[in-house]
Protein backbone atom coordinates (compact mmCIF):
# COMPACT_ATOMS: atom_id res chain seq x y z
CA MET A 1 -20.07 -9.68 7.23
CA LEU A 2 -18.02 -6.63 9.11
CA ILE A 3 -18.22 -5.75 12.72
CA GLY A 4 -16.31 -2.80 12.06
CA THR A 5 -13.88 -0.88 10.11
CA ILE A 6 -10.30 0.80 10.38
CA SER A 7 -10.14 3.51 7.94
CA ASN A 8 -6.71 5.42 7.58
CA VAL A 9 -5.96 5.58 11.39
CA SER A 10 -2.60 7.16 12.11
CA PHE A 11 -0.76 7.54 15.69
CA VAL A 12 2.01 9.93 16.44
CA HIS A 13 3.80 9.73 19.71
CA GLY A 14 6.03 12.98 19.89
CA GLU A 15 7.88 12.99 16.26
CA THR A 16 7.74 8.96 15.94
CA VAL A 17 4.90 7.84 13.94
CA ILE A 18 3.94 4.69 15.02
CA LEU A 19 0.74 3.95 12.48
CA ASP A 20 0.78 5.46 9.73
CA GLY A 21 -2.96 6.00 7.71
CA VAL A 22 -3.67 2.24 8.32
CA THR A 23 -6.61 0.83 6.84
CA ALA A 24 -8.59 -2.75 7.49
CA ASP A 25 -11.99 -4.40 7.58
CA LEU A 26 -12.74 -6.74 10.76
CA PRO A 27 -14.75 -9.32 9.71
CA GLU A 28 -17.34 -10.21 12.42
CA GLY A 29 -17.08 -13.76 14.00
CA ALA A 30 -13.21 -14.09 13.13
CA CYS A 31 -9.89 -14.58 14.96
CA ILE A 32 -7.43 -12.00 13.66
CA ALA A 33 -3.99 -12.12 14.72
CA VAL A 34 -1.89 -8.92 15.04
CA VAL A 35 1.84 -9.90 14.45
CA GLY A 36 4.65 -7.30 14.10
CA ALA A 37 7.95 -6.42 15.53
CA ASN A 38 8.46 -5.06 18.98
CA GLY A 39 7.42 -1.62 19.04
CA ALA A 40 5.64 -1.55 15.69
CA GLY A 41 2.40 -0.34 16.89
CA LYS A 42 0.27 -3.53 18.04
CA THR A 43 -0.70 -2.61 21.63
CA THR A 44 -1.10 0.48 20.49
CA LEU A 45 -3.54 -0.61 17.37
CA LEU A 46 -5.80 -2.62 20.35
CA SER A 47 -5.57 0.72 22.58
CA ILE A 48 -7.16 2.71 19.32
CA LEU A 49 -9.74 -0.49 18.88
CA ALA A 50 -11.02 -0.38 22.40
CA GLY A 51 -11.72 3.08 22.74
CA GLU A 52 -8.50 3.98 25.46
CA VAL A 53 -6.81 6.22 22.89
CA ALA A 54 -7.72 8.42 20.07
CA PRO A 55 -5.85 8.29 17.11
CA THR A 56 -4.19 10.99 15.88
CA SER A 57 -6.24 10.71 12.72
CA GLY A 58 -8.44 8.53 10.91
CA SER A 59 -11.48 6.31 12.78
CA VAL A 60 -12.68 2.89 13.48
CA ALA A 61 -16.16 2.78 12.81
CA TRP A 62 -18.36 -0.05 14.18
CA VAL A 63 -21.03 -1.47 11.99
CA GLY A 64 -24.70 -0.60 13.65
CA ASN A 65 -24.83 -0.63 18.01
CA THR A 66 -21.08 0.20 18.98
CA PRO A 67 -20.20 -3.48 20.19
CA SER A 68 -19.20 -4.68 23.91
CA VAL A 69 -15.57 -4.80 23.94
CA THR A 70 -13.23 -6.56 26.43
CA TYR A 71 -9.75 -5.25 26.45
CA PHE A 72 -6.82 -7.90 28.04
CA ARG A 73 -3.87 -6.24 28.16
CA GLN A 74 -0.52 -8.07 28.38
CA GLU A 75 0.88 -6.84 31.69
CA GLN A 76 -0.34 -4.81 34.27
CA GLN A 77 1.67 -3.32 37.40
CA ASP A 78 -1.49 -3.29 39.31
CA GLU A 79 -3.54 -5.84 38.10
CA GLY A 80 -6.32 -5.00 40.72
CA ILE A 81 -8.16 -8.39 42.41
CA VAL A 82 -9.84 -10.71 39.92
CA ASP A 83 -12.44 -12.94 42.02
CA TRP A 84 -11.58 -16.39 40.76
CA GLU A 85 -14.44 -17.95 42.68
CA ARG A 86 -17.34 -15.67 41.30
CA THR A 87 -16.38 -15.53 37.84
CA GLU A 88 -18.84 -17.60 35.44
CA THR A 89 -16.91 -18.66 32.70
CA PRO A 90 -16.91 -21.93 30.14
CA MET A 91 -13.32 -22.63 31.42
CA ASN A 92 -12.73 -25.44 33.55
CA ARG A 93 -10.50 -24.55 36.74
CA SER A 94 -8.86 -28.22 36.79
CA LYS A 95 -7.39 -27.24 33.19
CA TRP A 96 -6.00 -24.54 34.08
CA HIS A 97 -4.50 -25.99 37.30
CA VAL A 98 -5.29 -23.36 39.41
CA PRO A 99 -5.43 -24.60 43.14
CA LYS A 100 -8.66 -24.41 44.16
CA LYS A 101 -7.73 -22.11 47.56
CA ALA A 102 -5.49 -19.69 45.47
CA THR A 103 -6.09 -16.19 45.88
CA TYR A 104 -5.05 -13.86 43.29
CA ALA A 105 -2.30 -12.33 46.17
CA SER A 106 -0.85 -15.50 46.50
CA ALA A 107 -1.04 -16.81 43.03
CA SER A 108 2.25 -17.41 40.57
CA GLY A 109 2.12 -15.02 37.58
CA GLY A 110 0.88 -17.96 35.32
CA GLU A 111 -2.14 -18.06 37.85
CA ARG A 112 -2.33 -14.51 37.71
CA MET A 113 -2.75 -15.03 33.79
CA LYS A 114 -5.03 -17.37 33.79
CA MET A 115 -7.46 -15.90 36.50
CA ARG A 116 -7.42 -12.41 34.47
CA LEU A 117 -8.01 -14.09 31.20
CA SER A 118 -10.58 -16.20 32.37
CA ALA A 119 -12.52 -13.08 34.04
CA ALA A 120 -11.93 -11.39 30.71
CA LEU A 121 -13.63 -14.32 28.68
CA ALA A 122 -16.64 -14.59 30.91
CA GLU A 123 -17.47 -11.03 29.88
CA LYS A 124 -18.71 -12.89 26.54
CA SER A 125 -18.44 -9.35 24.72
CA ARG A 126 -18.82 -9.45 20.70
CA VAL A 127 -15.23 -8.16 20.45
CA VAL A 128 -12.53 -9.70 22.85
CA LEU A 129 -9.04 -7.87 22.50
CA LEU A 130 -5.99 -10.23 23.80
CA ASP A 131 -2.79 -8.64 24.01
CA GLU A 132 -0.21 -11.68 24.56
CA PRO A 133 -2.78 -14.20 25.97
CA THR A 134 -0.53 -16.99 26.02
CA ASN A 135 2.55 -15.37 28.01
CA HIS A 136 3.10 -17.32 30.98
CA LEU A 137 0.74 -20.23 30.33
CA ASP A 138 1.57 -24.24 30.44
CA SER A 139 0.93 -26.31 27.54
CA THR A 140 -2.24 -27.57 29.50
CA SER A 141 -3.72 -24.37 29.86
CA LEU A 142 -2.45 -22.93 26.30
CA ASP A 143 -4.75 -25.93 24.53
CA GLU A 144 -7.77 -24.70 26.81
CA LEU A 145 -7.31 -21.59 25.22
CA ILE A 146 -7.01 -22.36 21.85
CA ARG A 147 -10.15 -24.38 22.60
CA MET A 148 -11.89 -21.72 23.99
CA ILE A 149 -10.74 -19.64 21.19
CA ASN A 150 -11.64 -21.91 18.46
CA GLU A 151 -15.32 -22.77 20.01
CA ARG A 152 -15.54 -18.82 19.96
CA GLU A 153 -18.66 -16.40 19.93
CA GLY A 154 -18.02 -13.12 18.99
CA THR A 155 -14.77 -11.64 17.12
CA TYR A 156 -10.79 -12.01 18.54
CA ILE A 157 -8.11 -9.79 17.46
CA ILE A 158 -4.90 -10.79 19.32
CA VAL A 159 -1.44 -9.62 19.66
CA SER A 160 0.91 -12.95 19.74
CA HIS A 161 4.09 -13.93 18.70
CA ASP A 162 3.44 -17.53 19.55
CA ARG A 163 3.61 -19.32 15.98
CA HIS A 164 1.78 -22.85 17.34
CA PHE A 165 -0.96 -20.59 18.95
CA ILE A 166 -1.55 -18.88 15.92
CA ASP A 167 -1.56 -21.52 13.44
CA ARG A 168 -3.99 -22.90 15.59
CA THR A 169 -6.57 -20.17 16.02
CA ALA A 170 -6.48 -17.43 13.41
CA ASP A 171 -8.60 -17.00 10.30
CA PHE A 172 -6.89 -13.70 9.19
CA VAL A 173 -3.21 -12.58 10.20
CA VAL A 174 -2.62 -8.45 10.32
CA GLU A 175 1.15 -7.40 10.11
CA ILE A 176 2.39 -4.17 11.16
CA GLU A 177 5.79 -3.15 9.35
CA HIS A 178 6.89 0.15 8.85
CA GLY A 179 3.44 1.87 9.97
CA LYS A 180 1.89 0.27 7.64
CA LEU A 181 -0.74 -2.58 7.74
CA THR A 182 -1.29 -5.51 5.77
CA VAL A 183 -3.78 -8.37 5.85
CA TYR A 184 -3.24 -11.81 4.97
CA LYS A 185 -5.84 -14.56 4.95
CA GLY A 186 -5.50 -17.76 7.13
CA ASN A 187 -3.12 -18.73 9.47
CA TYR A 188 0.67 -17.92 10.44
CA THR A 189 2.01 -20.43 8.33
CA ASP A 190 -0.43 -19.17 4.99
CA TYR A 191 1.20 -15.53 6.17
CA ARG A 192 4.43 -16.65 5.95
CA LYS A 193 4.39 -18.61 2.97
CA LYS A 194 2.15 -15.41 1.08
CA LYS A 195 4.78 -12.92 2.27
CA ASP A 196 7.81 -14.67 1.10
CA ALA A 197 6.28 -15.29 -2.22
CA ASP A 198 4.94 -11.71 -2.27
CA ARG A 199 8.64 -10.63 -1.36
CA GLU A 200 10.27 -12.88 -3.69
CA ILE A 201 7.85 -11.27 -6.90
CA GLN A 202 8.92 -7.60 -5.96
CA GLN A 203 12.42 -7.88 -5.52
CA LYS A 204 12.27 -9.90 -9.30
CA HIS A 205 10.49 -6.70 -10.13
CA TYR A 206 12.32 -4.03 -8.59
CA GLU A 207 15.86 -6.04 -10.24
CA GLN A 208 14.04 -5.60 -13.98
CA GLN A 209 12.89 -2.26 -13.11
CA GLN A 210 16.47 -1.60 -12.25
CA ARG A 211 18.05 -2.76 -15.08
CA LYS A 212 15.57 -0.59 -17.28
CA ILE A 213 16.70 1.83 -15.58
CA VAL A 214 20.42 1.87 -16.31
CA GLN A 215 19.79 0.60 -19.75
CA VAL A 216 18.05 4.15 -20.02
CA GLU A 217 20.56 5.59 -18.35
CA GLU A 218 23.34 4.31 -20.28
CA GLN A 219 21.53 5.66 -23.55
CA ILE A 220 21.05 9.09 -22.07
CA ALA A 221 24.54 9.07 -21.47
CA VAL A 222 25.38 8.21 -24.74
CA LEU A 223 23.17 10.86 -26.21
CA ALA A 224 24.69 13.68 -23.89
CA HIS A 225 28.52 12.67 -25.15
CA TRP A 226 27.24 12.68 -28.82
CA SER A 227 25.26 16.05 -27.85
CA GLY A 228 28.45 17.38 -26.36
CA LYS A 229 30.70 16.95 -29.24
CA ALA A 230 28.18 18.34 -31.55
CA HIS A 231 27.91 21.60 -29.31
CA ALA A 232 31.98 21.72 -29.58
CA GLU A 233 31.89 21.29 -33.44
CA SER A 234 28.96 24.44 -33.59
CA THR A 235 31.38 26.65 -31.83
CA LYS A 236 34.38 26.04 -34.24
CA LYS A 237 35.03 28.17 -37.20
CA GLY A 238 33.81 26.93 -40.68
CA GLY A 239 30.50 25.80 -42.54
CA ALA A 240 29.37 23.16 -40.79
CA LYS A 241 28.81 24.73 -37.83
CA GLU A 242 24.63 25.27 -38.50
CA TYR A 243 25.07 21.22 -39.15
CA TYR A 244 26.05 20.23 -35.50
CA ARG A 245 24.30 23.07 -33.78
CA LYS A 246 21.01 21.04 -35.41
CA LYS A 247 22.72 17.76 -34.54
CA ALA A 248 23.03 18.90 -31.16
CA LYS A 249 19.53 19.95 -30.50
CA LYS A 250 18.29 16.94 -32.02
CA ARG A 251 20.06 14.73 -29.54
CA ASP A 252 18.98 17.13 -26.74
CA ILE A 253 15.72 16.80 -27.35
CA GLN A 254 16.10 12.78 -27.59
CA ILE A 255 17.48 12.87 -24.03
CA ARG A 256 14.79 14.96 -22.61
CA SER A 257 12.36 12.82 -24.35
CA LYS A 258 13.53 9.70 -22.77
CA ARG A 259 14.51 11.14 -19.06
CA LYS A 260 10.74 12.30 -19.25
CA ARG A 261 9.51 8.68 -20.25
CA LEU A 262 11.31 7.01 -17.80
CA GLU A 263 10.09 9.19 -15.10
CA ALA A 264 6.57 9.24 -16.01
CA GLU A 265 7.14 5.53 -16.00
CA LEU A 266 8.40 5.21 -12.73
CA GLU A 267 6.02 7.85 -11.35
CA LYS A 268 3.02 5.45 -12.77
CA ASP A 269 4.65 1.94 -11.83
CA ARG A 270 7.76 2.83 -9.10
CA ILE A 271 8.71 -0.79 -7.39
CA ASP A 272 10.07 -0.18 -3.98
CA LYS A 273 13.05 -2.20 -3.28
CA PRO A 274 11.50 -4.54 -0.30
CA ALA A 275 12.62 -3.36 2.93
CA ASP A 276 14.90 -5.43 5.09
CA GLU A 277 12.87 -7.72 7.76
CA VAL A 278 13.17 -6.65 11.24
CA SER A 279 16.62 -8.28 12.55
CA VAL A 280 18.76 -8.04 16.06
CA SER A 281 21.92 -9.15 17.69
CA PHE A 282 22.33 -9.71 20.90
CA ASP A 283 25.70 -10.28 22.63
CA VAL A 284 25.69 -11.30 26.28
CA LYS A 285 29.23 -11.85 27.72
CA GLY A 286 29.66 -13.85 30.87
CA GLN A 287 32.76 -13.00 32.98
CA HIS A 288 34.95 -15.76 33.78
CA LYS A 289 33.99 -18.39 35.93
CA LYS A 290 34.57 -17.85 40.18
CA GLY A 291 34.46 -21.95 40.56
CA LYS A 292 32.71 -25.15 40.02
CA ARG A 293 29.87 -24.87 41.90
CA VAL A 294 27.48 -21.39 41.41
CA MET A 295 24.62 -22.59 43.87
CA GLU A 296 23.84 -25.36 46.30
CA LEU A 297 20.65 -26.15 47.96
CA LYS A 298 20.45 -28.48 51.24
CA ALA A 299 16.97 -29.33 52.80
CA VAL A 300 15.29 -26.59 51.30
CA ARG A 301 11.34 -25.58 52.38
CA LYS A 302 9.28 -22.74 51.04
CA ALA A 303 5.80 -21.85 51.96
CA PHE A 304 3.74 -18.98 50.57
CA ALA A 305 0.80 -17.54 52.15
CA GLY A 306 -0.12 -21.26 54.02
CA ARG A 307 0.72 -23.08 50.91
CA GLU A 308 3.59 -25.47 50.93
CA LEU A 309 5.43 -24.75 47.58
CA PHE A 310 8.05 -27.77 48.03
CA LYS A 311 10.19 -28.80 50.95
CA ASP A 312 13.49 -31.08 51.47
CA VAL A 313 15.09 -29.69 48.24
CA SER A 314 18.79 -30.51 47.70
CA PHE A 315 20.72 -30.14 44.43
CA THR A 316 23.71 -28.21 43.21
CA ILE A 317 24.04 -25.76 40.08
CA LEU A 318 27.53 -25.98 38.23
CA ALA A 319 29.15 -23.31 36.52
CA GLY A 320 28.62 -23.21 32.82
CA GLU A 321 25.46 -25.49 33.19
CA ARG A 322 22.05 -24.41 31.04
CA ILE A 323 19.04 -25.90 33.29
CA ALA A 324 15.35 -25.27 32.69
CA LEU A 325 12.87 -24.70 35.30
CA VAL A 326 9.95 -27.08 34.51
CA GLY A 327 6.39 -27.67 35.85
CA PRO A 328 3.17 -26.19 35.96
CA ASN A 329 1.82 -22.57 36.69
CA GLY A 330 2.22 -21.80 40.69
CA ALA A 331 4.84 -24.31 41.41
CA GLY A 332 7.46 -22.10 42.74
CA LYS A 333 9.37 -21.47 39.71
CA SER A 334 9.69 -17.37 40.11
CA THR A 335 9.96 -17.84 43.53
CA LEU A 336 12.91 -20.14 43.67
CA PHE A 337 14.61 -17.40 41.40
CA LYS A 338 13.70 -14.82 43.90
CA MET A 339 15.19 -17.12 46.58
CA ALA A 340 18.22 -16.97 44.91
CA LEU A 341 18.23 -13.20 44.74
CA ASP A 342 17.56 -13.01 48.55
CA GLU A 343 14.23 -11.35 47.73
CA GLU A 344 12.42 -14.06 49.58
CA GLY A 345 12.74 -16.32 52.74
CA TYR A 346 13.27 -20.04 53.37
CA GLU A 347 13.84 -22.88 55.86
CA GLY A 348 16.95 -24.56 55.16
CA GLU A 349 20.11 -23.70 53.24
CA LEU A 350 20.88 -22.01 50.02
CA TRP A 351 24.68 -21.32 49.27
CA LYS A 352 26.02 -19.13 46.34
CA THR A 353 29.56 -18.63 45.39
CA GLY A 354 30.81 -15.31 46.61
CA GLY A 355 31.86 -12.31 43.68
CA MET A 356 29.68 -13.64 41.10
CA LYS A 357 27.40 -11.01 39.16
CA ILE A 358 23.65 -12.27 38.91
CA GLY A 359 21.33 -10.83 35.79
CA TYR A 360 17.78 -11.34 36.70
CA LEU A 361 14.85 -11.19 33.99
CA SER A 362 11.37 -11.25 35.43
CA GLN A 363 8.10 -12.05 33.79
CA THR A 364 6.48 -8.87 33.64
CA VAL A 365 9.64 -6.55 33.50
CA MET A 366 8.51 -3.98 35.69
CA ASP A 367 11.27 -3.05 37.35
CA LEU A 368 13.03 -0.22 35.03
CA PRO A 369 12.47 3.33 35.88
CA ASP A 370 9.79 4.55 33.83
CA GLU A 371 10.49 8.54 34.22
CA MET A 372 14.10 7.74 32.70
CA THR A 373 14.82 8.52 29.13
CA MET A 374 17.12 5.58 27.55
CA ALA A 375 19.75 8.42 27.05
CA ALA A 376 19.81 8.51 30.95
CA TYR A 377 19.03 5.12 31.85
CA PHE A 378 22.34 4.17 29.84
CA HIS A 379 24.53 7.14 30.39
CA ALA A 380 28.43 7.11 30.22
CA GLU A 381 31.02 9.00 31.03
CA THR A 382 32.83 8.99 27.90
CA PHE A 383 32.26 9.88 24.38
CA GLN A 384 33.64 6.50 23.24
CA GLU A 385 32.07 4.68 25.94
CA GLN A 386 28.53 6.51 24.83
CA GLY A 387 28.98 5.16 21.08
CA ARG A 388 29.90 1.28 22.04
CA ILE A 389 26.45 1.61 23.53
CA ARG A 390 24.48 3.54 20.81
CA ILE A 391 25.78 0.72 18.27
CA GLN A 392 24.67 -1.96 20.55
CA LEU A 393 21.19 -0.49 20.85
CA THR A 394 21.01 -0.52 17.18
CA ASN A 395 21.71 -4.18 16.99
CA LEU A 396 19.00 -4.47 19.43
CA GLY A 397 16.54 -2.88 17.02
CA PHE A 398 16.32 0.46 18.47
CA SER A 399 16.76 3.78 16.50
CA GLU A 400 17.48 7.60 16.81
CA LYS A 401 13.81 7.90 17.96
CA HIS A 402 14.17 5.61 20.79
CA TRP A 403 17.32 7.62 22.54
CA ASN A 404 15.10 9.89 24.51
CA LEU A 405 11.71 8.39 24.57
CA PRO A 406 11.12 7.18 28.45
CA LEU A 407 10.91 3.47 29.11
CA SER A 408 7.70 3.92 30.08
CA ALA A 409 6.81 4.49 26.11
CA LEU A 410 8.37 1.34 25.50
CA SER A 411 6.57 -1.92 24.18
CA GLN A 412 7.06 -4.80 26.79
CA GLY A 413 9.26 -6.59 24.28
CA GLU A 414 11.14 -3.56 24.22
CA ARG A 415 11.71 -3.28 27.82
CA VAL A 416 13.08 -6.91 27.57
CA LYS A 417 15.96 -5.71 25.09
CA VAL A 418 16.72 -2.84 27.65
CA LYS A 419 16.98 -5.57 30.64
CA LEU A 420 19.56 -7.66 28.05
CA MET A 421 21.38 -4.86 27.22
CA GLN A 422 22.26 -4.14 31.04
CA PHE A 423 23.44 -7.79 31.14
CA VAL A 424 25.64 -7.13 28.19
CA LEU A 425 27.10 -3.77 29.93
CA GLU A 426 27.72 -5.14 33.39
CA GLY A 427 29.14 -8.66 31.98
CA MET A 428 26.95 -11.19 34.04
CA ASP A 429 28.02 -14.65 35.23
CA VAL A 430 24.65 -16.26 35.88
CA LEU A 431 21.54 -15.66 34.29
CA LEU A 432 18.20 -15.56 35.55
CA LEU A 433 15.44 -15.92 33.13
CA ASP A 434 12.05 -15.97 33.84
CA GLU A 435 9.55 -16.70 30.52
CA PRO A 436 12.65 -14.66 28.47
CA THR A 437 10.98 -15.16 25.12
CA ASN A 438 7.51 -13.25 26.14
CA HIS A 439 7.20 -10.18 24.44
CA LEU A 440 9.75 -10.68 22.16
CA ASP A 441 8.96 -10.89 18.05
CA LEU A 442 10.14 -13.97 16.39
CA PRO A 443 13.21 -12.13 14.78
CA SER A 444 14.43 -11.44 18.65
CA ARG A 445 13.66 -14.98 19.72
CA GLU A 446 15.92 -16.36 16.77
CA GLU A 447 18.55 -14.00 18.07
CA LEU A 448 18.47 -14.93 21.43
CA GLU A 449 18.79 -18.48 21.19
CA LYS A 450 21.79 -18.08 19.32
CA THR A 451 23.43 -15.58 21.62
CA LEU A 452 22.60 -17.63 24.79
CA GLU A 453 23.99 -20.73 23.23
CA THR A 454 27.34 -18.99 22.96
CA PHE A 455 27.19 -17.39 26.63
CA PRO A 456 29.94 -18.94 28.71
CA GLY A 457 27.88 -18.49 31.87
CA THR A 458 25.34 -20.34 33.78
CA LEU A 459 21.90 -20.26 32.43
CA LEU A 460 18.35 -21.17 34.50
CA PHE A 461 15.59 -19.80 33.03
CA ALA A 462 11.87 -21.17 33.06
CA SER A 463 9.78 -21.26 29.94
CA HIS A 464 6.70 -22.22 28.23
CA ASP A 465 8.02 -22.19 24.79
CA ARG A 466 8.73 -25.69 23.85
CA TYR A 467 11.03 -24.75 21.14
CA PHE A 468 13.28 -22.47 23.34
CA THR A 469 13.53 -25.13 25.98
CA GLU A 470 14.68 -27.88 24.01
CA ARG A 471 17.15 -25.72 22.27
CA MET A 472 18.71 -24.45 25.15
CA ALA A 473 18.56 -26.63 28.29
CA ASP A 474 21.11 -29.47 29.03
CA GLY A 475 19.22 -30.36 32.64
CA LEU A 476 16.18 -29.67 33.95
CA LEU A 477 14.67 -28.58 37.98
CA ILE A 478 11.15 -30.88 37.57
CA PHE A 479 9.05 -29.05 40.23
CA ASP A 480 6.71 -31.81 41.01
CA GLY A 481 4.64 -33.33 43.72
CA GLU A 482 5.96 -30.50 46.47
CA THR A 483 9.41 -30.97 45.77
CA ILE A 484 12.40 -30.12 43.18
CA ARG A 485 14.69 -32.45 41.26
CA LYS A 486 17.47 -32.22 39.46
CA MET A 487 17.63 -34.37 36.14
CA PRO A 488 20.61 -34.43 33.81
CA MET A 489 18.40 -34.62 30.70
CA THR A 490 16.81 -32.48 28.02
CA LEU A 491 12.99 -31.93 28.33
CA GLN A 492 12.30 -34.55 25.36
CA GLU A 493 14.28 -37.34 27.11
CA TRP A 494 12.02 -36.57 30.05
CA GLU A 495 8.90 -36.61 28.54
CA GLU A 496 9.79 -40.14 26.92
CA ARG A 497 10.90 -41.37 30.24
CA ARG A 498 7.71 -40.15 31.67
CA ALA A 499 5.58 -41.46 29.04
CA PHE A 500 7.27 -44.92 29.22
CA SER A 501 6.41 -44.78 32.92
CA ARG A 502 2.93 -43.93 32.40
CA THR A 503 2.48 -47.03 30.14
CA ASP A 504 3.82 -49.49 32.76
CA HIS A 505 1.31 -47.36 34.95
CA THR A 506 -1.41 -47.87 32.91
CA ALA A 507 -1.08 -51.74 32.29
CA ALA A 508 -0.63 -52.37 36.08
CA GLU A 509 -3.68 -50.42 36.81
CA ARG A 510 -5.70 -52.29 33.69
CA MET A 511 -4.70 -55.54 35.07
CA CYS A 512 -5.93 -54.70 38.62
CA LEU A 513 -9.66 -53.88 36.96
CA GLU A 514 -9.91 -56.73 35.03
CA THR A 515 -9.36 -58.86 38.05
CA GLU A 516 -12.06 -57.23 39.82
CA MET A 517 -14.46 -57.37 37.06
CA GLN A 518 -14.03 -60.69 36.94
CA ALA A 519 -14.33 -61.32 40.60
CA VAL A 520 -17.47 -59.13 40.37
CA LEU A 521 -18.85 -61.25 37.10
CA GLY A 522 -18.37 -64.58 39.13
CA LYS A 523 -20.39 -63.46 41.93
CA LEU A 524 -22.93 -61.71 39.87
CA SER A 525 -23.50 -64.86 38.05
CA LEU A 526 -24.31 -66.84 41.18
CA LEU A 527 -27.05 -64.13 41.91
CA LYS A 528 -30.55 -63.65 40.31
CA PRO A 529 -31.43 -59.88 39.19
CA GLY A 530 -33.96 -59.69 41.80
CA ASP A 531 -31.65 -60.49 44.63
CA ASP A 532 -30.66 -57.76 47.43
CA ALA A 533 -26.69 -57.66 46.59
CA TYR A 534 -27.45 -58.18 42.38
CA ALA A 535 -28.15 -54.18 41.94
CA GLU A 536 -24.85 -52.98 44.54
CA LEU A 537 -22.74 -55.62 42.14
CA ASP A 538 -24.33 -54.51 38.83
CA LYS A 539 -23.36 -50.96 39.27
CA ALA A 540 -20.00 -52.35 40.42
CA PHE A 541 -19.47 -53.97 37.49
CA ASN A 542 -20.41 -50.55 34.98
CA THR A 543 -18.20 -48.57 37.07
CA LEU A 544 -15.14 -50.79 36.83
CA SER A 545 -16.05 -50.80 32.93
CA LEU A 546 -16.57 -47.25 32.75
CA ARG A 547 -12.84 -46.84 34.12
CA LEU A 548 -11.19 -49.42 32.15
CA ARG A 549 -12.63 -47.39 29.19
CA GLU A 550 -10.85 -44.28 29.87
CA LEU A 551 -7.60 -46.10 30.28
């Protein structure tokens, strides 16, 4: 059963065709994941479905009455106020790890994301449009969102680059590529297998067709050679002119016939060469190291809106280290970055080596001059320098059509690439990356990982992308218990250490509970059910039994 259909929808921005006559059915009650490269038109499609923008041509038709639609946008500069306390939602506040007294103004990026998600899902609309809902979410909150979607009532259409998330939620995957739309049944893994298989089949058929074209062209070339000789003989003096004239005419007829059959066959069954998948190439080069120490904190304390984030923090960051900031949303990871940039006050001492260049990538990438075009933003004085910049922008996946677009017209993923391009040009010593893989398509994520592995400078990053963190970090800053600890280990090593510690703690707690239960049983054995203390001891025994089962 369908809730709606997309019929021959096109969308053009200036001279750029973003969607080119796309068509798809929208099954009611399904979870549909929309994937594609940055700037492919995913957000545009959601905006059309939400009724915020009209397609250049084509239409969206809903079955029956127009359904209620909730549209959750990936980022908003003015996100408004979300009344968390009055939001009626089946989502559990404790599972979202949002502090009880947190307000929208004082919340971190991850906490604001959770508040907006909670408010959006509380509307219980028949159609829910989510644009990158997993950005900024820690692992516990991501699991809660997955649970909510899988227990859904309504139709979900979700733009996401999170492979794990799509695998656990999607019934269908819709890919937007080169302005076209292709629907695959199943989750992300199913989609990739089917796409790779289809691409392989298309490549084989294309190669077969090319071999046939070459074969026919070779036959035509032979006929043309003999036709040319016959025409030449027909012009010579002698009695065989008519014979050669007829022979040349016959060869010309054969040539036209073969070419006509080939053109007819190609017109009917032409197989295009599979389009190259989107690829990008970053090239972030650090400058020479300025010294052994890059940054040092001594007895640092930070409170925000009456809430203490961390206190008595002391650690040193050395040149060339790759440190991941690890902790739940709201623990102060983005705040620490802003302190390092002198954009937030604090108590204590934060020292930085002089003369180093720091590149900062924020979560929302809203610090770009939206009214400027890319040509103006990356202006160069010399023709040679401008050519180099254009080549590097091409390597990042930008084409000629982007050059005169205002930065406000770029997708979130494209804005991230613009910031990375700025780092390329300015030659940063230190990179502070706040959720760097948010908004990036999969080829861009993979290329960014490869590039940062070769970056010679110092790297500090906060990311809930587990694969990215495990690949990039050789040390951790752990935000836990209102403090920050530097740990010289990988994420996997830290989690194994925590699991071992929890096991020891659980065993000790279990032993204490069992001892208490034995003591209660001993007292109960001396009493009768009607005694005054019996009911109280029986209640205590049941409570201890429940705690033991929970362990």
